[in-house]
C-alpha atoms as a PDB file:
ATOM      1  CA  UNK A   1     -39.035 101.487 130.376  1.00  0.00           C
ATOM      2  CA  UNK A   2     -38.663 105.265 130.282  1.00  0.00           C
ATOM      3  CA  UNK A   3     -40.803 108.284 129.404  1.00  0.00           C
ATOM      4  CA  UNK A   4     -39.440 110.458 126.598  1.00  0.00           C
ATOM      5  CA  UNK A   5     -40.549 113.795 125.209  1.00  0.00           C
ATOM      6  CA  UNK A   6     -40.058 114.282 121.460  1.00  0.00           C
ATOM      7  CA  UNK A   7     -40.605 117.689 119.853  1.00  0.00           C
ATOM      8  CA  UNK A   8     -40.538 118.867 116.243  1.00  0.00           C
ATOM      9  CA  UNK A   9     -42.074 121.664 114.183  1.00  0.00           C
ATOM     10  CA  UNK A  10     -45.014 121.310 111.828  1.00  0.00           C
ATOM     11  CA  UNK A  11     -44.444 123.885 109.052  1.00  0.00           C
ATOM     12  CA  UNK A  12     -48.053 124.039 107.860  1.00  0.00           C
ATOM     13  CA  UNK A  13     -51.393 122.972 109.259  1.00  0.00           C
ATOM     14  CA  UNK A  14     -51.803 120.404 106.452  1.00  0.00           C
ATOM     15  CA  UNK A  15     -48.272 118.981 106.813  1.00  0.00           C
ATOM     16  CA  UNK A  16     -48.026 115.262 107.583  1.00  0.00           C
ATOM     17  CA  UNK A  17     -46.195 114.279 110.768  1.00  0.00           C
ATOM     18  CA  UNK A  18     -44.319 111.509 108.968  1.00  0.00           C
ATOM     19  CA  UNK A  19     -44.917 108.498 111.207  1.00  0.00           C
ATOM     20  CA  UNK A  20     -47.355 105.607 111.291  1.00  0.00           C
ATOM     21  CA  UNK A  21     -49.207 104.321 114.342  1.00  0.00           C
ATOM     22  CA  UNK A  22     -51.554 101.502 115.234  1.00  0.00           C
ATOM     23  CA  UNK A  23     -53.609 100.073 118.073  1.00  0.00           C
ATOM     24  CA  UNK A  24     -51.846  97.339 120.046  1.00  0.00           C
ATOM     25  CA  UNK A  25     -54.126  96.089 122.790  1.00  0.00           C
ATOM     26  CA  UNK A  26     -55.264  99.339 124.440  1.00  0.00           C
ATOM     27  CA  UNK A  27     -52.135 101.260 123.450  1.00  0.00           C
ATOM     28  CA  UNK A  28     -51.371 103.515 120.466  1.00  0.00           C
ATOM     29  CA  UNK A  29     -47.934 102.436 119.210  1.00  0.00           C
ATOM     30  CA  UNK A  30     -45.581 104.003 116.632  1.00  0.00           C
ATOM     31  CA  UNK A  31     -45.285 101.534 113.723  1.00  0.00           C
ATOM     32  CA  UNK A  32     -43.119 103.389 111.185  1.00  0.00           C
ATOM     33  CA  UNK A  33     -40.992 106.528 110.817  1.00  0.00           C
ATOM     34  CA  UNK A  34     -40.343 108.481 107.623  1.00  0.00           C
ATOM     35  CA  UNK A  35     -36.647 109.421 107.902  1.00  0.00           C
ATOM     36  CA  UNK A  36     -37.299 112.481 105.731  1.00  0.00           C
ATOM     37  CA  UNK A  37     -40.399 113.507 107.679  1.00  0.00           C
ATOM     38  CA  UNK A  38     -40.915 116.006 110.472  1.00  0.00           C
ATOM     39  CA  UNK A  39     -39.948 113.502 113.182  1.00  0.00           C
ATOM     40  CA  UNK A  40     -37.353 111.653 111.091  1.00  0.00           C
ATOM     41  CA  UNK A  41     -34.350 113.146 112.901  1.00  0.00           C
ATOM     42  CA  UNK A  42     -35.746 112.980 116.445  1.00  0.00           C
ATOM     43  CA  UNK A  43     -35.857 110.271 119.107  1.00  0.00           C
ATOM     44  CA  UNK A  44     -39.268 108.973 117.953  1.00  0.00           C
ATOM     45  CA  UNK A  45     -38.924 105.247 117.178  1.00  0.00           C
ATOM     46  CA  UNK A  46     -41.079 102.325 116.069  1.00  0.00           C
ATOM     47  CA  UNK A  47     -42.418 100.358 119.025  1.00  0.00           C
ATOM     48  CA  UNK A  48     -42.811 103.355 121.334  1.00  0.00           C
ATOM     49  CA  UNK A  49     -46.203 103.800 122.978  1.00  0.00           C
ATOM     50  CA  UNK A  50     -47.709 107.261 122.483  1.00  0.00           C
ATOM     51  CA  UNK A  51     -49.255 108.577 125.695  1.00  0.00           C
ATOM     52  CA  UNK A  52     -49.628 112.309 125.057  1.00  0.00           C
ATOM     53  CA  UNK A  53     -49.744 114.660 122.054  1.00  0.00           C
ATOM     54  CA  UNK A  54     -49.503 118.415 122.663  1.00  0.00           C
ATOM     55  CA  UNK A  55     -50.850 118.037 126.181  1.00  0.00           C
ATOM     56  CA  UNK A  56     -53.730 115.698 125.285  1.00  0.00           C
ATOM     57  CA  UNK A  57     -53.534 112.358 127.103  1.00  0.00           C
ATOM     58  CA  UNK A  58     -54.387 109.539 124.661  1.00  0.00           C
ATOM     59  CA  UNK A  59     -53.888 106.375 126.684  1.00  0.00           C
ATOM     60  CA  UNK A  60     -57.055 104.282 126.247  1.00  0.00           C
ATOM     61  CA  UNK A  61     -58.089 106.410 123.239  1.00  0.00           C
ATOM     62  CA  UNK A  62     -59.091 104.598 120.052  1.00  0.00           C
ATOM     63  CA  UNK A  63     -57.434 105.049 116.672  1.00  0.00           C
ATOM     64  CA  UNK A  64     -60.162 107.337 115.323  1.00  0.00           C
ATOM     65  CA  UNK A  65     -59.795 109.687 118.300  1.00  0.00           C
ATOM     66  CA  UNK A  66     -56.026 109.822 117.753  1.00  0.00           C
ATOM     67  CA  UNK A  67     -56.502 110.403 114.002  1.00  0.00           C
ATOM     68  CA  UNK A  68     -58.864 113.314 114.711  1.00  0.00           C
ATOM     69  CA  UNK A  69     -56.451 114.808 117.227  1.00  0.00           C
ATOM     70  CA  UNK A  70     -53.496 114.626 114.826  1.00  0.00           C
ATOM     71  CA  UNK A  71     -55.559 116.084 111.975  1.00  0.00           C
ATOM     72  CA  UNK A  72     -56.541 119.044 114.164  1.00  0.00           C
ATOM     73  CA  UNK A  73     -52.959 120.014 115.075  1.00  0.00           C
ATOM     74  CA  UNK A  74     -52.113 123.505 113.796  1.00  0.00           C
ATOM     75  CA  UNK A  75     -48.750 124.533 112.388  1.00  0.00           C
ATOM     76  CA  UNK A  76     -46.008 125.052 114.951  1.00  0.00           C
ATOM     77  CA  UNK A  77     -44.391 122.974 117.646  1.00  0.00           C
ATOM     78  CA  UNK A  78     -45.673 119.427 118.149  1.00  0.00           C
ATOM     79  CA  UNK A  79     -44.664 117.588 121.328  1.00  0.00           C
ATOM     80  CA  UNK A  80     -45.234 113.856 121.705  1.00  0.00           C
ATOM     81  CA  UNK A  81     -44.640 111.955 124.961  1.00  0.00           C
ATOM     82  CA  UNK A  82     -43.899 108.255 124.543  1.00  0.00           C
ATOM     83  CA  UNK A  83     -42.929 105.210 126.573  1.00  0.00           C
ATOM     84  CA  UNK A  84     -39.689 103.774 125.285  1.00  0.00           C
ATOM     85  CA  UNK A  85     -37.377 100.816 125.901  1.00  0.00           C
ATOM     86  CA  UNK A  86     -34.338 102.987 125.140  1.00  0.00           C
ATOM     87  CA  UNK A  87     -31.593 102.378 127.748  1.00  0.00           C
ATOM     88  CA  UNK A  88     -31.616 105.373 130.089  1.00  0.00           C
ATOM     89  CA  UNK A  89     -30.512 106.290 133.584  1.00  0.00           C
ATOM     90  CA  UNK A  90     -32.677 108.664 135.547  1.00  0.00           C
ATOM     91  CA  UNK A  91     -31.824 111.450 137.961  1.00  0.00           C
ATOM     92  CA  UNK A  92     -35.152 112.089 139.636  1.00  0.00           C
ATOM     93  CA  UNK A  93     -36.814 113.055 142.889  1.00  0.00           C
ATOM     94  CA  UNK A  94     -39.443 111.190 144.875  1.00  0.00           C
ATOM     95  CA  UNK A  95     -42.244 112.551 147.019  1.00  0.00           C
ATOM     96  CA  UNK A  96     -44.988 111.516 149.383  1.00  0.00           C
ATOM     97  CA  UNK A  97     -48.217 113.494 149.664  1.00  0.00           C
ATOM     98  CA  UNK A  98     -49.574 113.730 153.207  1.00  0.00           C
ATOM     99  CA  UNK A  99     -53.181 114.804 153.787  1.00  0.00           C
ATOM    100  CA  UNK A 100     -54.529 115.193 157.312  1.00  0.00           C
ATOM    101  CA  UNK A 101     -56.387 117.650 159.542  1.00  0.00           C
ATOM    102  CA  UNK A 102     -53.531 120.141 159.198  1.00  0.00           C
ATOM    103  CA  UNK A 103     -53.866 120.285 155.417  1.00  0.00           C
ATOM    104  CA  UNK A 104     -51.822 118.986 152.498  1.00  0.00           C
ATOM    105  CA  UNK A 105     -48.048 118.804 152.484  1.00  0.00           C
ATOM    106  CA  UNK A 106     -45.358 116.983 150.560  1.00  0.00           C
ATOM    107  CA  UNK A 107     -42.176 115.330 151.815  1.00  0.00           C
ATOM    108  CA  UNK A 108     -39.653 114.985 149.004  1.00  0.00           C
ATOM    109  CA  UNK A 109     -36.014 114.388 148.224  1.00  0.00           C
ATOM    110  CA  UNK A 110     -33.681 113.445 145.410  1.00  0.00           C
ATOM    111  CA  UNK A 111     -33.886 109.751 144.560  1.00  0.00           C
ATOM    112  CA  UNK A 112     -30.428 109.915 142.981  1.00  0.00           C
ATOM    113  CA  UNK A 113     -27.730 110.677 145.592  1.00  0.00           C
ATOM    114  CA  UNK A 114     -25.286 113.415 144.712  1.00  0.00           C
ATOM    115  CA  UNK A 115     -22.440 111.067 145.582  1.00  0.00           C
ATOM    116  CA  UNK A 116     -23.374 108.612 142.822  1.00  0.00           C
ATOM    117  CA  UNK A 117     -23.610 110.074 139.280  1.00  0.00           C
ATOM    118  CA  UNK A 118     -25.213 107.926 136.553  1.00  0.00           C
ATOM    119  CA  UNK A 119     -22.933 105.322 134.927  1.00  0.00           C
ATOM    120  CA  UNK A 120     -23.391 107.012 131.554  1.00  0.00           C
ATOM    121  CA  UNK A 121     -21.655 110.100 132.982  1.00  0.00           C
ATOM    122  CA  UNK A 122     -18.937 108.078 134.692  1.00  0.00           C
ATOM    123  CA  UNK A 123     -18.202 106.202 131.462  1.00  0.00           C
ATOM    124  CA  UNK A 124     -17.940 109.490 129.543  1.00  0.00           C
ATOM    125  CA  UNK A 125     -15.675 111.038 132.215  1.00  0.00           C
ATOM    126  CA  UNK A 126     -18.035 113.944 132.872  1.00  0.00           C
ATOM    127  CA  UNK A 127     -16.272 116.212 135.430  1.00  0.00           C
ATOM    128  CA  UNK A 128     -17.563 116.056 138.981  1.00  0.00           C
ATOM    129  CA  UNK A 129     -18.318 119.781 138.933  1.00  0.00           C
ATOM    130  CA  UNK A 130     -20.649 119.418 135.945  1.00  0.00           C
ATOM    131  CA  UNK A 131     -22.458 116.495 137.590  1.00  0.00           C
ATOM    132  CA  UNK A 132     -22.930 118.574 140.749  1.00  0.00           C
ATOM    133  CA  UNK A 133     -24.362 121.404 138.663  1.00  0.00           C
ATOM    134  CA  UNK A 134     -26.812 119.057 136.911  1.00  0.00           C
ATOM    135  CA  UNK A 135     -27.941 117.554 140.226  1.00  0.00           C
ATOM    136  CA  UNK A 136     -28.392 121.072 141.617  1.00  0.00           C
ATOM    137  CA  UNK A 137     -30.445 122.251 138.637  1.00  0.00           C
ATOM    138  CA  UNK A 138     -32.876 119.383 139.176  1.00  0.00           C
ATOM    139  CA  UNK A 139     -33.064 119.708 142.979  1.00  0.00           C
ATOM    140  CA  UNK A 140     -33.085 123.524 143.191  1.00  0.00           C
ATOM    141  CA  UNK A 141     -34.823 124.642 139.997  1.00  0.00           C
ATOM    142  CA  UNK A 142     -37.142 121.825 138.923  1.00  0.00           C
ATOM    143  CA  UNK A 143     -38.146 120.002 142.108  1.00  0.00           C
ATOM    144  CA  UNK A 144     -39.585 122.964 144.087  1.00  0.00           C
ATOM    145  CA  UNK A 145     -41.952 124.184 141.377  1.00  0.00           C
ATOM    146  CA  UNK A 146     -43.034 120.626 140.462  1.00  0.00           C
ATOM    147  CA  UNK A 147     -43.903 119.985 144.109  1.00  0.00           C
ATOM    148  CA  UNK A 148     -45.967 123.181 144.278  1.00  0.00           C
ATOM    149  CA  UNK A 149     -47.928 121.981 141.253  1.00  0.00           C
ATOM    150  CA  UNK A 150     -48.458 118.552 142.839  1.00  0.00           C
ATOM    151  CA  UNK A 151     -49.719 120.109 146.096  1.00  0.00           C
ATOM    152  CA  UNK A 152     -52.045 122.416 144.163  1.00  0.00           C
ATOM    153  CA  UNK A 153     -53.491 119.514 142.173  1.00  0.00           C
ATOM    154  CA  UNK A 154     -54.001 117.437 145.341  1.00  0.00           C
ATOM    155  CA  UNK A 155     -55.936 120.319 146.886  1.00  0.00           C
ATOM    156  CA  UNK A 156     -57.891 120.725 143.663  1.00  0.00           C
ATOM    157  CA  UNK A 157     -58.809 117.023 143.682  1.00  0.00           C
ATOM    158  CA  UNK A 158     -59.971 117.165 147.285  1.00  0.00           C
ATOM    159  CA  UNK A 159     -62.065 120.274 146.746  1.00  0.00           C
ATOM    160  CA  UNK A 160     -63.564 118.905 143.534  1.00  0.00           C
ATOM    161  CA  UNK A 161     -64.658 115.749 145.364  1.00  0.00           C
ATOM    162  CA  UNK A 162     -66.438 117.902 147.943  1.00  0.00           C
ATOM    163  CA  UNK A 163     -68.018 120.031 145.220  1.00  0.00           C
ATOM    164  CA  UNK A 164     -69.386 116.964 143.409  1.00  0.00           C
ATOM    165  CA  UNK A 165     -71.010 115.775 146.628  1.00  0.00           C
ATOM    166  CA  UNK A 166     -72.784 119.118 146.925  1.00  0.00           C
ATOM    167  CA  UNK A 167     -73.751 118.995 143.255  1.00  0.00           C
ATOM    168  CA  UNK A 168     -75.254 115.510 143.601  1.00  0.00           C
ATOM    169  CA  UNK A 169     -77.384 116.712 146.497  1.00  0.00           C
ATOM    170  CA  UNK A 170     -78.983 119.252 144.101  1.00  0.00           C
ATOM    171  CA  UNK A 171     -77.675 122.180 146.127  1.00  0.00           C
ATOM    172  CA  UNK A 172     -76.132 125.098 144.257  1.00  0.00           C
ATOM    173  CA  UNK A 173     -73.174 126.768 145.909  1.00  0.00           C
ATOM    174  CA  UNK A 174     -71.999 129.570 143.642  1.00  0.00           C
ATOM    175  CA  UNK A 175     -69.170 130.636 145.953  1.00  0.00           C
ATOM    176  CA  UNK A 176     -67.768 127.092 146.162  1.00  0.00           C
ATOM    177  CA  UNK A 177     -68.038 126.733 142.393  1.00  0.00           C
ATOM    178  CA  UNK A 178     -66.065 129.935 141.859  1.00  0.00           C
ATOM    179  CA  UNK A 179     -63.396 128.834 144.338  1.00  0.00           C
ATOM    180  CA  UNK A 180     -63.040 125.474 142.579  1.00  0.00           C
ATOM    181  CA  UNK A 181     -62.718 127.198 139.224  1.00  0.00           C
ATOM    182  CA  UNK A 182     -59.970 129.493 140.503  1.00  0.00           C
ATOM    183  CA  UNK A 183     -58.028 126.583 142.019  1.00  0.00           C
ATOM    184  CA  UNK A 184     -58.218 124.801 138.678  1.00  0.00           C
ATOM    185  CA  UNK A 185     -56.878 127.909 136.936  1.00  0.00           C
ATOM    186  CA  UNK A 186     -54.068 128.247 139.491  1.00  0.00           C
ATOM    187  CA  UNK A 187     -53.084 124.597 139.028  1.00  0.00           C
ATOM    188  CA  UNK A 188     -53.021 125.095 135.257  1.00  0.00           C
ATOM    189  CA  UNK A 189     -50.770 128.150 135.597  1.00  0.00           C
ATOM    190  CA  UNK A 190     -48.414 126.244 137.906  1.00  0.00           C
ATOM    191  CA  UNK A 191     -48.280 123.360 135.438  1.00  0.00           C
ATOM    192  CA  UNK A 192     -47.337 125.758 132.636  1.00  0.00           C
ATOM    193  CA  UNK A 193     -44.566 127.158 134.838  1.00  0.00           C
ATOM    194  CA  UNK A 194     -43.300 123.637 135.553  1.00  0.00           C
ATOM    195  CA  UNK A 195     -43.123 122.986 131.811  1.00  0.00           C
ATOM    196  CA  UNK A 196     -41.166 126.191 131.160  1.00  0.00           C
ATOM    197  CA  UNK A 197     -38.666 125.518 133.949  1.00  0.00           C
ATOM    198  CA  UNK A 198     -38.321 121.842 133.002  1.00  0.00           C
ATOM    199  CA  UNK A 199     -37.597 122.640 129.354  1.00  0.00           C
ATOM    200  CA  UNK A 200     -35.044 125.280 130.352  1.00  0.00           C
ATOM    201  CA  UNK A 201     -33.290 122.863 132.734  1.00  0.00           C
ATOM    202  CA  UNK A 202     -33.247 120.135 130.089  1.00  0.00           C
ATOM    203  CA  UNK A 203     -31.826 122.463 127.430  1.00  0.00           C
ATOM    204  CA  UNK A 204     -29.156 123.761 129.778  1.00  0.00           C
ATOM    205  CA  UNK A 205     -28.137 120.219 130.768  1.00  0.00           C
ATOM    206  CA  UNK A 206     -28.019 119.130 127.122  1.00  0.00           C
ATOM    207  CA  UNK A 207     -25.706 122.061 126.407  1.00  0.00           C
ATOM    208  CA  UNK A 208     -23.429 120.937 129.251  1.00  0.00           C
ATOM    209  CA  UNK A 209     -23.371 117.282 128.133  1.00  0.00           C
ATOM    210  CA  UNK A 210     -23.317 117.630 124.323  1.00  0.00           C
ATOM    211  CA  UNK A 211     -19.499 117.394 124.124  1.00  0.00           C
ATOM    212  CA  UNK A 212     -19.654 114.080 126.032  1.00  0.00           C
ATOM    213  CA  UNK A 213     -22.233 112.641 123.578  1.00  0.00           C
ATOM    214  CA  UNK A 214     -24.857 112.272 126.292  1.00  0.00           C
ATOM    215  CA  UNK A 215     -28.454 113.334 125.770  1.00  0.00           C
ATOM    216  CA  UNK A 216     -31.057 114.257 128.374  1.00  0.00           C
ATOM    217  CA  UNK A 217     -34.831 113.960 128.159  1.00  0.00           C
ATOM    218  CA  UNK A 218     -37.437 114.846 130.759  1.00  0.00           C
ATOM    219  CA  UNK A 219     -38.658 112.184 133.187  1.00  0.00           C
ATOM    220  CA  UNK A 220     -42.375 112.511 133.880  1.00  0.00           C
ATOM    221  CA  UNK A 221     -44.986 111.276 136.274  1.00  0.00           C
ATOM    222  CA  UNK A 222     -48.596 111.051 135.167  1.00  0.00           C
ATOM    223  CA  UNK A 223     -50.999 112.550 137.734  1.00  0.00           C
ATOM    224  CA  UNK A 224     -54.732 112.051 137.413  1.00  0.00           C
ATOM    225  CA  UNK A 225     -56.856 115.196 137.239  1.00  0.00           C
ATOM    226  CA  UNK A 226     -60.271 115.413 138.935  1.00  0.00           C
ATOM    227  CA  UNK A 227     -63.450 114.644 137.046  1.00  0.00           C
ATOM    228  CA  UNK A 228     -65.715 117.614 136.449  1.00  0.00           C
ATOM    229  CA  UNK A 229     -68.866 115.532 136.225  1.00  0.00           C
ATOM    230  CA  UNK A 230     -69.884 112.182 137.627  1.00  0.00           C
ATOM    231  CA  UNK A 231     -70.702 110.893 134.122  1.00  0.00           C
ATOM    232  CA  UNK A 232     -67.299 111.881 132.682  1.00  0.00           C
ATOM    233  CA  UNK A 233     -65.831 108.699 131.208  1.00  0.00           C
ATOM    234  CA  UNK A 234     -62.425 109.716 129.870  1.00  0.00           C
ATOM    235  CA  UNK A 235     -59.691 110.276 132.440  1.00  0.00           C
ATOM    236  CA  UNK A 236     -57.489 113.353 132.128  1.00  0.00           C
ATOM    237  CA  UNK A 237     -53.904 113.369 133.323  1.00  0.00           C
ATOM    238  CA  UNK A 238     -51.245 115.985 133.976  1.00  0.00           C
ATOM    239  CA  UNK A 239     -47.638 115.122 133.098  1.00  0.00           C
ATOM    240  CA  UNK A 240     -45.334 116.609 135.735  1.00  0.00           C
ATOM    241  CA  UNK A 241     -41.551 116.611 135.289  1.00  0.00           C
ATOM    242  CA  UNK A 242     -39.728 114.807 138.129  1.00  0.00           C
ATOM    243  CA  UNK A 243     -36.174 114.879 136.763  1.00  0.00           C
ATOM    244  CA  UNK A 244     -34.126 113.882 133.725  1.00  0.00           C
ATOM    245  CA  UNK A 245     -33.270 110.620 131.953  1.00  0.00           C
ATOM    246  CA  UNK A 246     -29.828 110.319 130.360  1.00  0.00           C
ATOM    247  CA  UNK A 247     -28.711 108.193 127.418  1.00  0.00           C
ATOM    248  CA  UNK A 248     -25.676 107.665 125.228  1.00  0.00           C
ATOM    249  CA  UNK A 249     -26.269 109.281 121.847  1.00  0.00           C
ATOM    250  CA  UNK A 250     -24.755 106.230 120.151  1.00  0.00           C
ATOM    251  CA  UNK A 251     -28.017 104.419 120.810  1.00  0.00           C
ATOM    252  CA  UNK A 252     -30.002 106.843 118.683  1.00  0.00           C
ATOM    253  CA  UNK A 253     -29.727 109.108 115.694  1.00  0.00           C
ATOM    254  CA  UNK A 254     -28.566 112.394 117.170  1.00  0.00           C
ATOM    255  CA  UNK A 255     -31.515 114.752 117.342  1.00  0.00           C
ATOM    256  CA  UNK A 256     -31.580 118.057 115.515  1.00  0.00           C
ATOM    257  CA  UNK A 257     -31.131 119.952 118.785  1.00  0.00           C
ATOM    258  CA  UNK A 258     -28.022 117.952 119.682  1.00  0.00           C
ATOM    259  CA  UNK A 259     -26.561 118.479 116.192  1.00  0.00           C
ATOM    260  CA  UNK A 260     -27.128 122.208 116.608  1.00  0.00           C
ATOM    261  CA  UNK A 261     -25.095 122.195 119.803  1.00  0.00           C
ATOM    262  CA  UNK A 262     -22.341 120.043 118.257  1.00  0.00           C
ATOM    263  CA  UNK A 263     -22.146 121.918 114.919  1.00  0.00           C
ATOM    264  CA  UNK A 264     -23.295 125.490 115.511  1.00  0.00           C
ATOM    265  CA  UNK A 265     -21.858 126.554 112.155  1.00  0.00           C
ATOM    266  CA  UNK A 266     -24.086 124.124 110.280  1.00  0.00           C
ATOM    267  CA  UNK A 267     -27.330 124.525 112.142  1.00  0.00           C
ATOM    268  CA  UNK A 268     -29.387 127.248 113.695  1.00  0.00           C
ATOM    269  CA  UNK A 269     -28.992 127.338 117.453  1.00  0.00           C
ATOM    270  CA  UNK A 270     -31.929 128.626 119.447  1.00  0.00           C
ATOM    271  CA  UNK A 271     -30.788 130.169 122.708  1.00  0.00           C
ATOM    272  CA  UNK A 272     -32.989 129.269 125.678  1.00  0.00           C
ATOM    273  CA  UNK A 273     -32.711 131.668 128.587  1.00  0.00           C
ATOM    274  CA  UNK A 274     -32.632 130.103 132.030  1.00  0.00           C
ATOM    275  CA  UNK A 275     -35.588 131.342 134.100  1.00  0.00           C
ATOM    276  CA  UNK A 276     -34.982 133.030 137.436  1.00  0.00           C
ATOM    277  CA  UNK A 277     -34.252 130.772 140.374  1.00  0.00           C
ATOM    278  CA  UNK A 278     -37.323 129.202 141.903  1.00  0.00           C
ATOM    279  CA  UNK A 279     -38.837 131.213 144.746  1.00  0.00           C
ATOM    280  CA  UNK A 280     -38.441 129.997 148.345  1.00  0.00           C
ATOM    281  CA  UNK A 281     -40.300 126.785 149.070  1.00  0.00           C
ATOM    282  CA  UNK A 282     -43.768 127.124 150.485  1.00  0.00           C
ATOM    283  CA  UNK A 283     -44.477 125.807 153.941  1.00  0.00           C
ATOM    284  CA  UNK A 284     -45.431 122.147 153.752  1.00  0.00           C
ATOM    285  CA  UNK A 285     -42.796 121.195 151.160  1.00  0.00           C
ATOM    286  CA  UNK A 286     -39.797 119.403 152.655  1.00  0.00           C
ATOM    287  CA  UNK A 287     -36.952 118.813 150.195  1.00  0.00           C
ATOM    288  CA  UNK A 288     -34.109 118.290 152.636  1.00  0.00           C
ATOM    289  CA  UNK A 289     -30.723 119.919 152.086  1.00  0.00           C
ATOM    290  CA  UNK A 290     -30.421 121.776 148.779  1.00  0.00           C
ATOM    291  CA  UNK A 291     -27.161 122.662 147.071  1.00  0.00           C
ATOM    292  CA  UNK A 292     -26.430 126.118 145.735  1.00  0.00           C
ATOM    293  CA  UNK A 293     -23.587 128.063 144.224  1.00  0.00           C
ATOM    294  CA  UNK A 294     -22.229 125.985 141.332  1.00  0.00           C
ATOM    295  CA  UNK A 295     -21.561 127.495 137.918  1.00  0.00           C
ATOM    296  CA  UNK A 296     -21.225 125.900 134.481  1.00  0.00           C
ATOM    297  CA  UNK A 297     -17.519 125.281 134.981  1.00  0.00           C
ATOM    298  CA  UNK A 298     -18.161 123.258 138.079  1.00  0.00           C
ATOM    299  CA  UNK A 299     -16.619 125.822 140.441  1.00  0.00           C
ATOM    300  CA  UNK A 300     -18.148 127.426 143.478  1.00  0.00           C
END
């Protein structure tokens, strides 16, 4: 089971997305795909469970809620996150959040050792230098900013719990309320930055691997957000990128983005600029030894 992100463009607000869905148990599942529709040439497939549409978490939502959400989508980019049984191999990092009297800190490291590239890359004879670059992009560019977002959300959760206790005691603390609001805003900004960096890393890796017929999609972890009110029933989650999943393109219809990289003369290629390197890690984030200095050709 893997988490995939599928993105396409809705030309008009009243355009149909071109796929069917239904309720299976408590899950919203894709039931049909129109090959000529908006998502016809993407990695969206029947049988995948939809968990997020344009940032709105829909696990445990009913069909009417999903229908209303889809109907309200404006024109422009539509991103759907699904659970899929597509064979993938992940290159991800792991972390442990530690909360004690000294504060909140995270101990993290790459789950995938640099000495052992995924089998899909070995089978395609991807050069060692390119694998080292991909591993470095995930460990140096993606992991630090994702960890900052995770730490910020953990702090936000802890402070929100304290705020709700004060609220239930019928005491008004305007200063605490303002501080909580600002921490929520800061966490949201960090999450947006994670998304930008993650998409840039994914696009750069796909450019590197396109000639080997290997695709990369973001690997996510779902993190629960704090409840604003005690009576709030629906849980909200934040999807944080923790690495990349790789697959052989033979398993799927090649997506429009991959075709653009393979046949630039027949498709419009959108250049995605790599963001600046992540700033130095904040105190409290331990990522072990990080690699630096590799370029796209695999040299130092």
